Amino acid sequence: MKIKFPEFSSIFVKSPEKEIVNKISDFELEKLGEKKVFLAWEALGRAEKSGEMGIKFTRTFTIIGVFVGLVLMIMQEFFLILAVGSVIFVVQALTKATPEIVKYEFSNHGLLINETLYYWDQLKRYFFILRDGGEAIAIDTTLGFPGRLFISFIPKDKEEIKRILDQRLFFLKEEPKTFLDTAYEKILDKFDIQNKE
């Protein structure tokens, strides 16, 4: 009797054959016709890190960075210390930069983000997530890159957005998590420092 173990990659990467496809089965680019806009808005490209969530992320990231730096210093790996310091610098610079305003648009053709159009047959499923104190939409794509789109929206438009997406994509009540997602969250919980002020 052979024991069959799962492939190593299936633990980390979801198989595309098992993925949920969108609800539109007869989508053809040639038959789209004239573009009809359902909803258009402008929002920040990403939520600004502020408040308790931003402080929590910064503290956790700093503690992990200091710990890794000390371990590397003990091992006398000065080049790696420089590399880790560079990554920390780039992350800090990116989080300090003000986010740009992005134009979003849902139409009968698909989702337009600034000048990039994602047709409905390139989108699979969606769910809402909390990011940096604000709510955003996450839409999984059939493309290799980007595999997931994160969209900021105006809270008053949430029901209209949900109505538009429900007609074309499957809705997930919670974010699907891989092994790496759960491992990352467990590590963050171990290093979490509560704000006791």
N, C-alpha and C. Protein backbone atom coordinates (compact mmCIF):
# COMPACT_ATOMS: atom_id res chain seq x y z
N MET A 1 0.84 -1.19 0.00
CA MET A 1 0.00 0.00 0.00
C MET A 1 0.88 1.23 0.00
N LYS A 2 0.66 2.12 -0.96
CA LYS A 2 1.43 3.35 -1.05
C LYS A 2 0.73 4.47 -0.31
N ILE A 3 1.53 5.24 0.41
CA ILE A 3 1.00 6.42 1.07
C ILE A 3 1.30 7.60 0.16
N LYS A 4 0.26 8.35 -0.17
CA LYS A 4 0.45 9.48 -1.07
C LYS A 4 0.48 10.76 -0.25
N PHE A 5 1.61 11.47 -0.30
CA PHE A 5 1.75 12.74 0.38
C PHE A 5 1.42 13.87 -0.59
N PRO A 6 0.88 14.99 -0.07
CA PRO A 6 0.60 16.11 -0.97
C PRO A 6 1.90 16.72 -1.47
N GLU A 7 1.84 17.29 -2.66
CA GLU A 7 3.02 17.95 -3.20
C GLU A 7 3.38 19.13 -2.32
N PHE A 8 4.68 19.38 -2.20
CA PHE A 8 5.17 20.46 -1.35
C PHE A 8 4.59 21.80 -1.79
N SER A 9 4.51 22.03 -3.10
CA SER A 9 4.02 23.32 -3.60
C SER A 9 2.54 23.53 -3.29
N SER A 10 1.76 22.46 -3.13
CA SER A 10 0.34 22.63 -2.86
C SER A 10 0.08 23.18 -1.46
N ILE A 11 1.06 23.07 -0.58
CA ILE A 11 0.92 23.64 0.75
C ILE A 11 0.98 25.15 0.69
N PHE A 12 1.83 25.68 -0.20
CA PHE A 12 2.07 27.11 -0.26
C PHE A 12 1.29 27.80 -1.36
N VAL A 13 1.06 27.14 -2.47
CA VAL A 13 0.42 27.75 -3.62
C VAL A 13 -0.84 26.99 -3.95
N LYS A 14 -1.93 27.72 -4.17
CA LYS A 14 -3.18 27.08 -4.51
C LYS A 14 -3.16 26.63 -5.95
N SER A 15 -3.69 25.46 -6.18
CA SER A 15 -3.73 24.91 -7.53
C SER A 15 -4.79 25.63 -8.35
N PRO A 16 -4.46 26.09 -9.58
CA PRO A 16 -5.44 26.81 -10.37
C PRO A 16 -6.64 25.94 -10.79
N GLU A 17 -6.47 24.63 -10.84
CA GLU A 17 -7.58 23.76 -11.23
C GLU A 17 -8.68 23.75 -10.17
N LYS A 18 -8.31 23.96 -8.91
CA LYS A 18 -9.27 23.90 -7.83
C LYS A 18 -9.87 25.27 -7.51
N GLU A 19 -9.41 26.30 -8.20
CA GLU A 19 -9.87 27.65 -7.93
C GLU A 19 -11.28 27.87 -8.44
N ILE A 20 -11.95 28.80 -7.82
CA ILE A 20 -13.29 29.18 -8.25
C ILE A 20 -13.14 30.15 -9.42
N VAL A 21 -13.89 29.93 -10.46
CA VAL A 21 -13.88 30.87 -11.58
C VAL A 21 -15.07 31.82 -11.41
N ASN A 22 -15.11 32.88 -12.21
CA ASN A 22 -16.19 33.85 -12.04
C ASN A 22 -17.52 33.31 -12.55
N LYS A 23 -18.58 34.07 -12.33
CA LYS A 23 -19.93 33.63 -12.68
C LYS A 23 -20.25 33.79 -14.16
N ILE A 24 -19.46 34.59 -14.86
CA ILE A 24 -19.74 34.86 -16.27
C ILE A 24 -19.14 33.74 -17.12
N SER A 25 -20.01 32.98 -17.77
CA SER A 25 -19.51 31.87 -18.59
C SER A 25 -19.47 32.21 -20.08
N ASP A 26 -20.26 33.21 -20.48
CA ASP A 26 -20.34 33.55 -21.91
C ASP A 26 -19.69 34.89 -22.22
N PHE A 27 -18.63 35.24 -21.53
CA PHE A 27 -17.96 36.52 -21.74
C PHE A 27 -17.08 36.45 -22.98
N GLU A 28 -17.37 37.30 -23.95
CA GLU A 28 -16.57 37.36 -25.18
C GLU A 28 -16.23 38.80 -25.47
N LEU A 29 -14.95 39.08 -25.68
CA LEU A 29 -14.49 40.44 -25.92
C LEU A 29 -15.12 41.04 -27.17
N GLU A 30 -15.32 40.24 -28.19
CA GLU A 30 -15.86 40.74 -29.46
C GLU A 30 -17.30 41.22 -29.32
N LYS A 31 -18.05 40.69 -28.35
CA LYS A 31 -19.47 41.00 -28.22
C LYS A 31 -19.77 41.99 -27.08
N LEU A 32 -18.76 42.69 -26.59
CA LEU A 32 -18.97 43.59 -25.47
C LEU A 32 -19.81 44.82 -25.83
N GLY A 33 -19.62 45.33 -27.02
CA GLY A 33 -20.39 46.49 -27.43
C GLY A 33 -19.88 47.76 -26.78
N GLU A 34 -20.75 48.74 -26.72
CA GLU A 34 -20.38 50.05 -26.16
C GLU A 34 -20.20 49.94 -24.65
N LYS A 35 -19.24 50.68 -24.15
CA LYS A 35 -18.93 50.64 -22.72
C LYS A 35 -20.00 51.37 -21.92
N LYS A 36 -20.52 50.69 -20.88
CA LYS A 36 -21.50 51.28 -19.97
C LYS A 36 -20.91 51.28 -18.57
N VAL A 37 -20.72 52.46 -18.02
CA VAL A 37 -20.12 52.60 -16.69
C VAL A 37 -21.21 52.41 -15.63
N PHE A 38 -20.95 51.47 -14.70
CA PHE A 38 -21.88 51.22 -13.60
C PHE A 38 -21.57 52.12 -12.40
N LEU A 39 -20.29 52.27 -12.09
CA LEU A 39 -19.88 53.06 -10.93
C LEU A 39 -18.44 53.51 -11.13
N ALA A 40 -18.16 54.77 -10.82
CA ALA A 40 -16.80 55.30 -10.92
C ALA A 40 -16.53 56.16 -9.68
N TRP A 41 -15.31 56.10 -9.17
CA TRP A 41 -14.93 56.90 -8.01
C TRP A 41 -13.42 57.05 -7.97
N GLU A 42 -12.99 57.96 -7.10
CA GLU A 42 -11.56 58.16 -6.85
C GLU A 42 -11.30 57.93 -5.38
N ALA A 43 -10.19 57.28 -5.07
CA ALA A 43 -9.82 57.01 -3.68
C ALA A 43 -8.30 56.90 -3.60
N LEU A 44 -7.80 56.93 -2.39
CA LEU A 44 -6.37 56.75 -2.19
C LEU A 44 -5.96 55.36 -2.65
N GLY A 45 -4.79 55.24 -3.25
CA GLY A 45 -4.30 53.96 -3.74
C GLY A 45 -4.10 52.95 -2.64
N ARG A 46 -3.78 53.41 -1.46
CA ARG A 46 -3.65 52.54 -0.29
C ARG A 46 -4.05 53.36 0.93
N ALA A 47 -4.50 52.68 1.95
CA ALA A 47 -4.86 53.38 3.19
C ALA A 47 -3.60 53.88 3.87
N GLU A 48 -3.68 55.08 4.41
CA GLU A 48 -2.52 55.60 5.13
C GLU A 48 -2.42 54.90 6.47
N LYS A 49 -1.19 54.55 6.86
CA LYS A 49 -0.98 53.89 8.14
C LYS A 49 -1.10 54.93 9.23
N SER A 50 -2.11 54.77 10.03
CA SER A 50 -2.32 55.72 11.12
C SER A 50 -3.02 55.00 12.25
N GLY A 51 -3.01 55.62 13.38
CA GLY A 51 -3.72 55.07 14.53
C GLY A 51 -3.03 53.84 15.10
N GLU A 52 -3.83 53.04 15.81
CA GLU A 52 -3.30 51.89 16.54
C GLU A 52 -2.72 50.82 15.63
N MET A 53 -3.35 50.58 14.47
CA MET A 53 -2.85 49.54 13.57
C MET A 53 -1.48 49.90 13.02
N GLY A 54 -1.26 51.18 12.66
CA GLY A 54 0.03 51.62 12.16
C GLY A 54 1.12 51.50 13.23
N ILE A 55 0.78 51.85 14.46
CA ILE A 55 1.73 51.75 15.56
C ILE A 55 2.06 50.29 15.83
N LYS A 56 1.05 49.43 15.82
CA LYS A 56 1.25 48.00 16.06
C LYS A 56 2.18 47.39 15.00
N PHE A 57 1.94 47.73 13.73
CA PHE A 57 2.78 47.22 12.64
C PHE A 57 4.22 47.70 12.80
N THR A 58 4.40 48.99 13.09
CA THR A 58 5.74 49.56 13.20
C THR A 58 6.51 48.93 14.37
N ARG A 59 5.85 48.76 15.49
CA ARG A 59 6.52 48.16 16.66
C ARG A 59 6.91 46.71 16.38
N THR A 60 6.00 45.95 15.81
CA THR A 60 6.27 44.55 15.51
C THR A 60 7.42 44.43 14.51
N PHE A 61 7.37 45.24 13.45
CA PHE A 61 8.40 45.22 12.42
C PHE A 61 9.76 45.63 13.00
N THR A 62 9.78 46.61 13.90
CA THR A 62 11.02 47.06 14.52
C THR A 62 11.62 45.98 15.42
N ILE A 63 10.77 45.32 16.21
CA ILE A 63 11.27 44.25 17.10
C ILE A 63 11.86 43.11 16.29
N ILE A 64 11.18 42.70 15.23
CA ILE A 64 11.69 41.61 14.39
C ILE A 64 13.01 42.03 13.74
N GLY A 65 13.08 43.28 13.26
CA GLY A 65 14.31 43.78 12.63
C GLY A 65 15.48 43.82 13.59
N VAL A 66 15.25 44.28 14.83
CA VAL A 66 16.32 44.33 15.83
C VAL A 66 16.78 42.93 16.19
N PHE A 67 15.84 42.02 16.35
CA PHE A 67 16.19 40.63 16.69
C PHE A 67 17.04 40.00 15.59
N VAL A 68 16.60 40.15 14.34
CA VAL A 68 17.36 39.60 13.22
C VAL A 68 18.73 40.26 13.12
N GLY A 69 18.78 41.58 13.35
CA GLY A 69 20.06 42.30 13.32
C GLY A 69 21.03 41.80 14.37
N LEU A 70 20.54 41.54 15.61
CA LEU A 70 21.40 41.03 16.67
C LEU A 70 21.93 39.63 16.34
N VAL A 71 21.06 38.79 15.82
CA VAL A 71 21.49 37.44 15.44
C VAL A 71 22.57 37.51 14.36
N LEU A 72 22.36 38.38 13.37
CA LEU A 72 23.35 38.52 12.30
C LEU A 72 24.66 39.13 12.81
N MET A 73 24.58 40.02 13.78
CA MET A 73 25.79 40.62 14.34
C MET A 73 26.60 39.57 15.10
N ILE A 74 25.89 38.71 15.84
CA ILE A 74 26.58 37.62 16.56
C ILE A 74 27.27 36.70 15.56
N MET A 75 26.62 36.47 14.41
CA MET A 75 27.19 35.59 13.39
C MET A 75 28.22 36.34 12.52
N GLN A 76 28.41 37.62 12.77
CA GLN A 76 29.34 38.47 12.03
C GLN A 76 29.03 38.49 10.53
N GLU A 77 27.76 38.57 10.23
CA GLU A 77 27.29 38.67 8.85
C GLU A 77 26.96 40.13 8.55
N PHE A 78 27.98 40.95 8.37
CA PHE A 78 27.79 42.39 8.22
C PHE A 78 27.13 42.75 6.88
N PHE A 79 27.40 41.97 5.84
CA PHE A 79 26.75 42.24 4.56
C PHE A 79 25.25 42.02 4.66
N LEU A 80 24.84 40.96 5.36
CA LEU A 80 23.40 40.70 5.54
C LEU A 80 22.76 41.77 6.41
N ILE A 81 23.50 42.28 7.40
CA ILE A 81 22.98 43.38 8.22
C ILE A 81 22.70 44.59 7.34
N LEU A 82 23.62 44.87 6.42
CA LEU A 82 23.44 45.98 5.49
C LEU A 82 22.22 45.73 4.59
N ALA A 83 22.04 44.49 4.14
CA ALA A 83 20.88 44.16 3.30
C ALA A 83 19.57 44.33 4.07
N VAL A 84 19.52 43.84 5.31
CA VAL A 84 18.31 43.97 6.13
C VAL A 84 18.03 45.44 6.41
N GLY A 85 19.08 46.20 6.71
CA GLY A 85 18.92 47.65 6.94
C GLY A 85 18.38 48.35 5.71
N SER A 86 18.83 47.95 4.54
CA SER A 86 18.34 48.55 3.29
C SER A 86 16.86 48.26 3.08
N VAL A 87 16.45 47.03 3.35
CA VAL A 87 15.04 46.66 3.21
C VAL A 87 14.19 47.47 4.18
N ILE A 88 14.65 47.60 5.42
CA ILE A 88 13.91 48.39 6.42
C ILE A 88 13.79 49.84 5.96
N PHE A 89 14.87 50.39 5.42
CA PHE A 89 14.84 51.77 4.93
C PHE A 89 13.83 51.93 3.80
N VAL A 90 13.82 51.02 2.85
CA VAL A 90 12.89 51.11 1.72
C VAL A 90 11.44 51.00 2.20
N VAL A 91 11.16 50.06 3.11
CA VAL A 91 9.81 49.89 3.63
C VAL A 91 9.36 51.16 4.35
N GLN A 92 10.23 51.73 5.18
CA GLN A 92 9.89 52.96 5.89
C GLN A 92 9.64 54.11 4.92
N ALA A 93 10.47 54.22 3.88
CA ALA A 93 10.29 55.28 2.89
C ALA A 93 8.97 55.13 2.15
N LEU A 94 8.61 53.89 1.80
CA LEU A 94 7.35 53.66 1.09
C LEU A 94 6.13 53.94 1.96
N THR A 95 6.21 53.63 3.25
CA THR A 95 5.07 53.88 4.13
C THR A 95 4.93 55.36 4.46
N LYS A 96 6.02 56.10 4.41
CA LYS A 96 5.96 57.54 4.68
C LYS A 96 5.46 58.33 3.48
N ALA A 97 5.62 57.78 2.28
CA ALA A 97 5.19 58.48 1.07
C ALA A 97 3.67 58.59 1.06
N THR A 98 3.17 59.74 0.63
CA THR A 98 1.73 59.92 0.57
C THR A 98 1.16 59.11 -0.59
N PRO A 99 0.08 58.39 -0.35
CA PRO A 99 -0.50 57.57 -1.42
C PRO A 99 -1.13 58.44 -2.51
N GLU A 100 -1.07 57.96 -3.74
CA GLU A 100 -1.66 58.69 -4.86
C GLU A 100 -3.16 58.44 -4.93
N ILE A 101 -3.85 59.34 -5.58
CA ILE A 101 -5.28 59.17 -5.80
C ILE A 101 -5.47 58.34 -7.06
N VAL A 102 -6.25 57.27 -6.95
CA VAL A 102 -6.44 56.32 -8.05
C VAL A 102 -7.89 56.41 -8.51
N LYS A 103 -8.10 56.32 -9.83
CA LYS A 103 -9.45 56.31 -10.40
C LYS A 103 -9.88 54.87 -10.62
N TYR A 104 -11.05 54.53 -10.11
CA TYR A 104 -11.62 53.19 -10.27
C TYR A 104 -12.92 53.31 -11.05
N GLU A 105 -13.23 52.24 -11.80
CA GLU A 105 -14.46 52.26 -12.59
C GLU A 105 -14.92 50.83 -12.86
N PHE A 106 -16.19 50.55 -12.54
CA PHE A 106 -16.82 49.29 -12.92
C PHE A 106 -17.68 49.55 -14.14
N SER A 107 -17.53 48.71 -15.16
CA SER A 107 -18.35 48.85 -16.36
C SER A 107 -18.73 47.46 -16.86
N ASN A 108 -19.47 47.41 -17.97
CA ASN A 108 -19.82 46.11 -18.53
C ASN A 108 -18.59 45.40 -19.11
N HIS A 109 -17.50 46.12 -19.31
CA HIS A 109 -16.25 45.51 -19.80
C HIS A 109 -15.44 44.89 -18.67
N GLY A 110 -15.45 45.52 -17.48
CA GLY A 110 -14.66 45.01 -16.36
C GLY A 110 -14.33 46.10 -15.37
N LEU A 111 -13.18 45.96 -14.73
CA LEU A 111 -12.70 46.90 -13.72
C LEU A 111 -11.55 47.70 -14.30
N LEU A 112 -11.68 49.03 -14.26
CA LEU A 112 -10.63 49.92 -14.74
C LEU A 112 -9.97 50.56 -13.53
N ILE A 113 -8.65 50.38 -13.41
CA ILE A 113 -7.87 51.02 -12.36
C ILE A 113 -6.88 51.94 -13.06
N ASN A 114 -7.09 53.24 -12.91
CA ASN A 114 -6.35 54.26 -13.68
C ASN A 114 -6.47 53.94 -15.16
N GLU A 115 -5.41 53.49 -15.80
CA GLU A 115 -5.45 53.20 -17.24
C GLU A 115 -5.46 51.69 -17.54
N THR A 116 -5.47 50.86 -16.51
CA THR A 116 -5.40 49.41 -16.70
C THR A 116 -6.79 48.80 -16.59
N LEU A 117 -7.22 48.09 -17.62
CA LEU A 117 -8.53 47.45 -17.62
C LEU A 117 -8.38 45.95 -17.37
N TYR A 118 -9.10 45.46 -16.37
CA TYR A 118 -9.17 44.03 -16.08
C TYR A 118 -10.57 43.57 -16.51
N TYR A 119 -10.63 42.76 -17.57
CA TYR A 119 -11.92 42.27 -18.06
C TYR A 119 -12.52 41.30 -17.05
N TRP A 120 -13.84 41.16 -17.09
CA TRP A 120 -14.53 40.31 -16.12
C TRP A 120 -14.05 38.87 -16.16
N ASP A 121 -13.64 38.38 -17.32
CA ASP A 121 -13.19 36.99 -17.37
C ASP A 121 -11.80 36.82 -16.77
N GLN A 122 -11.12 37.92 -16.41
CA GLN A 122 -9.82 37.85 -15.75
C GLN A 122 -9.96 37.93 -14.23
N LEU A 123 -11.18 38.12 -13.74
CA LEU A 123 -11.44 38.25 -12.30
C LEU A 123 -12.22 37.03 -11.82
N LYS A 124 -11.90 36.54 -10.60
CA LYS A 124 -12.50 35.30 -10.11
C LYS A 124 -13.48 35.51 -8.97
N ARG A 125 -13.00 36.06 -7.88
CA ARG A 125 -13.79 36.16 -6.66
C ARG A 125 -13.35 37.38 -5.89
N TYR A 126 -14.16 37.79 -4.92
CA TYR A 126 -13.81 38.99 -4.15
C TYR A 126 -14.22 38.80 -2.70
N PHE A 127 -13.63 39.62 -1.85
CA PHE A 127 -13.97 39.66 -0.43
C PHE A 127 -13.51 41.00 0.13
N PHE A 128 -14.04 41.35 1.28
CA PHE A 128 -13.68 42.60 1.94
C PHE A 128 -12.66 42.31 3.02
N ILE A 129 -11.69 43.21 3.15
CA ILE A 129 -10.66 43.05 4.18
C ILE A 129 -10.46 44.36 4.90
N LEU A 130 -9.94 44.27 6.12
CA LEU A 130 -9.56 45.46 6.87
C LEU A 130 -8.07 45.66 6.68
N ARG A 131 -7.68 46.82 6.21
CA ARG A 131 -6.27 47.14 6.00
C ARG A 131 -5.98 48.50 6.60
N ASP A 132 -5.07 48.54 7.56
CA ASP A 132 -4.60 49.79 8.14
C ASP A 132 -5.75 50.68 8.62
N GLY A 133 -6.71 50.07 9.27
CA GLY A 133 -7.80 50.83 9.85
C GLY A 133 -8.94 51.14 8.90
N GLY A 134 -8.83 50.76 7.62
CA GLY A 134 -9.90 51.00 6.66
C GLY A 134 -10.27 49.72 5.95
N GLU A 135 -11.44 49.74 5.31
CA GLU A 135 -11.90 48.56 4.60
C GLU A 135 -11.53 48.68 3.12
N ALA A 136 -11.18 47.57 2.51
CA ALA A 136 -10.83 47.52 1.09
C ALA A 136 -11.43 46.27 0.47
N ILE A 137 -11.50 46.27 -0.86
CA ILE A 137 -11.97 45.09 -1.59
C ILE A 137 -10.74 44.37 -2.12
N ALA A 138 -10.71 43.07 -1.98
CA ALA A 138 -9.65 42.26 -2.58
C ALA A 138 -10.30 41.40 -3.66
N ILE A 139 -9.77 41.48 -4.87
CA ILE A 139 -10.31 40.71 -5.99
C ILE A 139 -9.20 39.82 -6.53
N ASP A 140 -9.43 38.51 -6.52
CA ASP A 140 -8.46 37.56 -7.08
C ASP A 140 -8.60 37.55 -8.59
N THR A 141 -7.45 37.43 -9.27
CA THR A 141 -7.45 37.42 -10.73
C THR A 141 -6.99 36.06 -11.25
N THR A 142 -7.23 35.83 -12.52
CA THR A 142 -6.74 34.61 -13.17
C THR A 142 -5.34 34.84 -13.73
N LEU A 143 -4.84 36.06 -13.60
CA LEU A 143 -3.52 36.41 -14.11
C LEU A 143 -2.45 35.94 -13.13
N GLY A 144 -1.28 35.69 -13.62
CA GLY A 144 -0.17 35.34 -12.72
C GLY A 144 0.24 36.54 -11.89
N PHE A 145 0.31 37.70 -12.51
CA PHE A 145 0.67 38.92 -11.81
C PHE A 145 -0.16 40.06 -12.35
N PRO A 146 -0.90 40.80 -11.58
CA PRO A 146 -1.11 40.60 -10.15
C PRO A 146 -2.12 39.49 -9.88
N GLY A 147 -1.87 38.73 -8.86
CA GLY A 147 -2.78 37.66 -8.50
C GLY A 147 -3.96 38.14 -7.70
N ARG A 148 -3.81 39.31 -7.06
CA ARG A 148 -4.88 39.87 -6.25
C ARG A 148 -4.82 41.39 -6.35
N LEU A 149 -5.98 42.00 -6.55
CA LEU A 149 -6.09 43.46 -6.61
C LEU A 149 -6.69 43.96 -5.31
N PHE A 150 -6.13 45.03 -4.76
CA PHE A 150 -6.66 45.65 -3.55
C PHE A 150 -7.21 47.01 -3.93
N ILE A 151 -8.48 47.23 -3.64
CA ILE A 151 -9.17 48.43 -4.10
C ILE A 151 -9.75 49.19 -2.92
N SER A 152 -9.36 50.45 -2.79
CA SER A 152 -9.96 51.33 -1.79
C SER A 152 -11.29 51.82 -2.33
N PHE A 153 -12.23 52.05 -1.44
CA PHE A 153 -13.53 52.54 -1.90
C PHE A 153 -14.12 53.47 -0.86
N ILE A 154 -15.14 54.22 -1.31
CA ILE A 154 -15.85 55.13 -0.42
C ILE A 154 -16.90 54.30 0.33
N PRO A 155 -16.91 54.34 1.68
CA PRO A 155 -17.80 53.47 2.46
C PRO A 155 -19.28 53.53 2.04
N LYS A 156 -19.77 54.68 1.62
CA LYS A 156 -21.19 54.78 1.23
C LYS A 156 -21.51 53.99 -0.04
N ASP A 157 -20.48 53.65 -0.82
CA ASP A 157 -20.69 52.89 -2.07
C ASP A 157 -20.59 51.38 -1.89
N LYS A 158 -20.39 50.91 -0.67
CA LYS A 158 -20.13 49.49 -0.44
C LYS A 158 -21.25 48.60 -0.96
N GLU A 159 -22.50 48.95 -0.67
CA GLU A 159 -23.62 48.10 -1.11
C GLU A 159 -23.75 48.08 -2.63
N GLU A 160 -23.52 49.22 -3.27
CA GLU A 160 -23.59 49.28 -4.73
C GLU A 160 -22.47 48.45 -5.36
N ILE A 161 -21.28 48.55 -4.80
CA ILE A 161 -20.14 47.75 -5.29
C ILE A 161 -20.44 46.26 -5.12
N LYS A 162 -20.98 45.90 -3.96
CA LYS A 162 -21.30 44.49 -3.70
C LYS A 162 -22.36 43.99 -4.69
N ARG A 163 -23.35 44.83 -5.00
CA ARG A 163 -24.40 44.45 -5.95
C ARG A 163 -23.80 44.21 -7.34
N ILE A 164 -22.91 45.09 -7.77
CA ILE A 164 -22.29 44.95 -9.09
C ILE A 164 -21.42 43.69 -9.15
N LEU A 165 -20.61 43.48 -8.12
CA LEU A 165 -19.70 42.34 -8.12
C LEU A 165 -20.43 41.01 -7.96
N ASP A 166 -21.52 41.00 -7.18
CA ASP A 166 -22.27 39.75 -6.96
C ASP A 166 -22.84 39.19 -8.26
N GLN A 167 -23.13 40.06 -9.22
CA GLN A 167 -23.67 39.59 -10.50
C GLN A 167 -22.61 38.90 -11.35
N ARG A 168 -21.32 39.18 -11.07
CA ARG A 168 -20.25 38.70 -11.95
C ARG A 168 -19.21 37.81 -11.27
N LEU A 169 -19.00 38.00 -9.97
CA LEU A 169 -17.96 37.27 -9.25
C LEU A 169 -18.54 36.59 -8.02
N PHE A 170 -17.84 35.57 -7.53
CA PHE A 170 -18.24 34.89 -6.30
C PHE A 170 -17.73 35.69 -5.10
N PHE A 171 -18.56 35.76 -4.08
CA PHE A 171 -18.23 36.49 -2.86
C PHE A 171 -17.76 35.51 -1.78
N LEU A 172 -16.65 35.83 -1.13
CA LEU A 172 -16.15 35.05 0.00
C LEU A 172 -16.37 35.86 1.27
N LYS A 173 -16.88 35.23 2.31
CA LYS A 173 -17.15 35.95 3.55
C LYS A 173 -15.87 36.35 4.28
N GLU A 174 -14.82 35.55 4.11
CA GLU A 174 -13.55 35.88 4.75
C GLU A 174 -12.40 35.58 3.81
N GLU A 175 -11.27 36.20 4.09
CA GLU A 175 -10.09 36.08 3.24
C GLU A 175 -9.55 34.65 3.26
N PRO A 176 -9.32 34.05 2.09
CA PRO A 176 -8.71 32.71 2.07
C PRO A 176 -7.26 32.81 2.49
N LYS A 177 -6.84 31.94 3.39
CA LYS A 177 -5.48 32.01 3.93
C LYS A 177 -4.70 30.76 3.55
N THR A 178 -3.45 30.97 3.17
CA THR A 178 -2.56 29.86 2.89
C THR A 178 -1.76 29.54 4.14
N PHE A 179 -0.94 28.53 4.06
CA PHE A 179 -0.07 28.15 5.17
C PHE A 179 0.85 29.31 5.55
N LEU A 180 1.37 30.02 4.55
CA LEU A 180 2.28 31.14 4.82
C LEU A 180 1.56 32.29 5.52
N ASP A 181 0.29 32.55 5.16
CA ASP A 181 -0.48 33.60 5.81
C ASP A 181 -0.66 33.31 7.29
N THR A 182 -1.06 32.07 7.61
CA THR A 182 -1.29 31.73 9.02
C THR A 182 0.02 31.72 9.80
N ALA A 183 1.11 31.27 9.17
CA ALA A 183 2.41 31.28 9.85
C ALA A 183 2.85 32.71 10.13
N TYR A 184 2.66 33.60 9.17
CA TYR A 184 3.02 35.01 9.34
C TYR A 184 2.23 35.64 10.49
N GLU A 185 0.92 35.35 10.56
CA GLU A 185 0.09 35.91 11.63
C GLU A 185 0.51 35.38 13.00
N LYS A 186 0.88 34.10 13.07
CA LYS A 186 1.33 33.54 14.34
C LYS A 186 2.63 34.19 14.81
N ILE A 187 3.53 34.45 13.86
CA ILE A 187 4.80 35.10 14.22
C ILE A 187 4.53 36.51 14.71
N LEU A 188 3.65 37.25 14.03
CA LEU A 188 3.33 38.60 14.46
C LEU A 188 2.70 38.62 15.85
N ASP A 189 1.84 37.63 16.14
CA ASP A 189 1.22 37.55 17.46
C ASP A 189 2.24 37.30 18.55
N LYS A 190 3.29 36.54 18.26
CA LYS A 190 4.32 36.26 19.26
C LYS A 190 5.10 37.52 19.63
N PHE A 191 5.32 38.40 18.63
CA PHE A 191 6.11 39.61 18.87
C PHE A 191 5.25 40.83 19.16
N ASP A 192 3.95 40.66 19.28
CA ASP A 192 3.03 41.77 19.45
C ASP A 192 3.21 42.43 20.80
N ILE A 193 3.29 43.75 20.79
CA ILE A 193 3.36 44.54 22.02
C ILE A 193 2.09 45.37 22.09
N GLN A 194 1.31 45.20 23.13
CA GLN A 194 0.08 45.95 23.26
C GLN A 194 0.37 47.37 23.71
N ASN A 195 -0.41 48.29 23.19
CA ASN A 195 -0.28 49.69 23.57
C ASN A 195 -0.99 49.89 24.92
N LYS A 196 -0.25 50.09 25.98
CA LYS A 196 -0.82 50.18 27.32
C LYS A 196 -0.96 51.61 27.78
N GLU A 197 -1.07 52.53 26.87
CA GLU A 197 -1.22 53.94 27.25
C GLU A 197 -2.67 54.27 27.50
